[in-house]
């Protein structure tokens, strides 16, 4: 997908320096991947306490 965006110069320079990535495109893609991962984790955390687990550790039946 092609997208034109205006990004704060100082923020981009900092991100390039900290990430050691070679291109601005790589920095942006890494940032989007990180955002997706964090948001997916938030969705999983919302399920905490709402699911019933019937197996034991490593898929073994509880008590056996």
Protein backbone atom coordinates (compact mmCIF):
# COMPACT_ATOMS: atom_id res chain seq x y z
CA UNK A 1 0.00 0.00 0.00
CA UNK A 2 1.29 3.43 -0.85
CA UNK A 3 0.67 6.15 1.74
CA UNK A 4 1.90 9.71 2.05
CA UNK A 5 2.22 10.96 5.62
CA UNK A 6 3.77 13.89 7.41
CA UNK A 7 5.91 12.69 10.34
CA UNK A 8 7.74 14.81 12.88
CA UNK A 9 11.38 15.02 11.71
CA UNK A 10 12.86 14.73 15.20
CA UNK A 11 10.71 11.70 15.98
CA UNK A 12 11.73 9.96 12.76
CA UNK A 13 15.43 10.69 13.31
CA UNK A 14 15.19 9.31 16.83
CA UNK A 15 13.35 6.20 15.65
CA UNK A 16 15.92 5.54 12.91
CA UNK A 17 18.78 5.97 15.37
CA UNK A 18 17.27 3.79 18.09
CA UNK A 19 16.10 1.05 15.76
CA UNK A 20 19.25 0.81 13.65
CA UNK A 21 16.99 0.25 10.67
CA UNK A 22 18.30 1.57 7.37
CA UNK A 23 15.20 3.14 5.83
CA UNK A 24 12.30 5.25 6.97
CA UNK A 25 9.99 2.68 5.40
CA UNK A 26 11.50 -0.03 7.62
CA UNK A 27 11.03 2.16 10.70
CA UNK A 28 7.39 2.83 9.86
CA UNK A 29 6.68 -0.84 9.15
CA UNK A 30 8.32 -1.87 12.44
CA UNK A 31 6.20 0.69 14.26
CA UNK A 32 2.98 -0.54 12.66
CA UNK A 33 3.89 -4.17 13.46
CA UNK A 34 4.53 -3.21 17.07
CA UNK A 35 1.21 -1.35 17.30
CA UNK A 36 -0.65 -4.37 15.90
CA UNK A 37 1.09 -6.73 18.35
CA UNK A 38 0.26 -4.50 21.33
CA UNK A 39 -3.38 -4.12 20.31
CA UNK A 40 -3.73 -7.88 19.79
CA UNK A 41 -2.32 -8.44 23.28
CA UNK A 42 -4.84 -5.96 24.68
CA UNK A 43 -7.64 -7.96 23.08
CA UNK A 44 -6.33 -11.17 24.63
CA UNK A 45 -6.03 -9.51 28.06
CA UNK A 46 -9.71 -8.53 27.87
CA UNK A 47 -10.51 -12.27 27.95
CA UNK A 48 -8.79 -12.73 31.31
CA UNK A 49 -11.18 -14.41 33.74
CA UNK A 50 -13.79 -14.98 31.02
CA UNK A 51 -12.59 -18.34 29.71
CA UNK A 52 -12.89 -21.70 31.43
CA UNK A 53 -9.78 -23.88 31.23
CA UNK A 54 -10.44 -27.61 31.39
CA UNK A 55 -6.93 -28.95 30.75
CA UNK A 56 -3.91 -29.19 32.99
CA UNK A 57 -0.35 -28.06 32.32
CA UNK A 58 0.87 -28.68 28.76
CA UNK A 59 -2.53 -29.95 27.69
CA UNK A 60 -2.69 -32.82 30.22
CA UNK A 61 -5.98 -33.46 31.95
CA UNK A 62 -6.21 -31.99 35.45
CA UNK A 63 -5.70 -34.52 38.24
CA UNK A 64 -4.26 -37.22 36.00
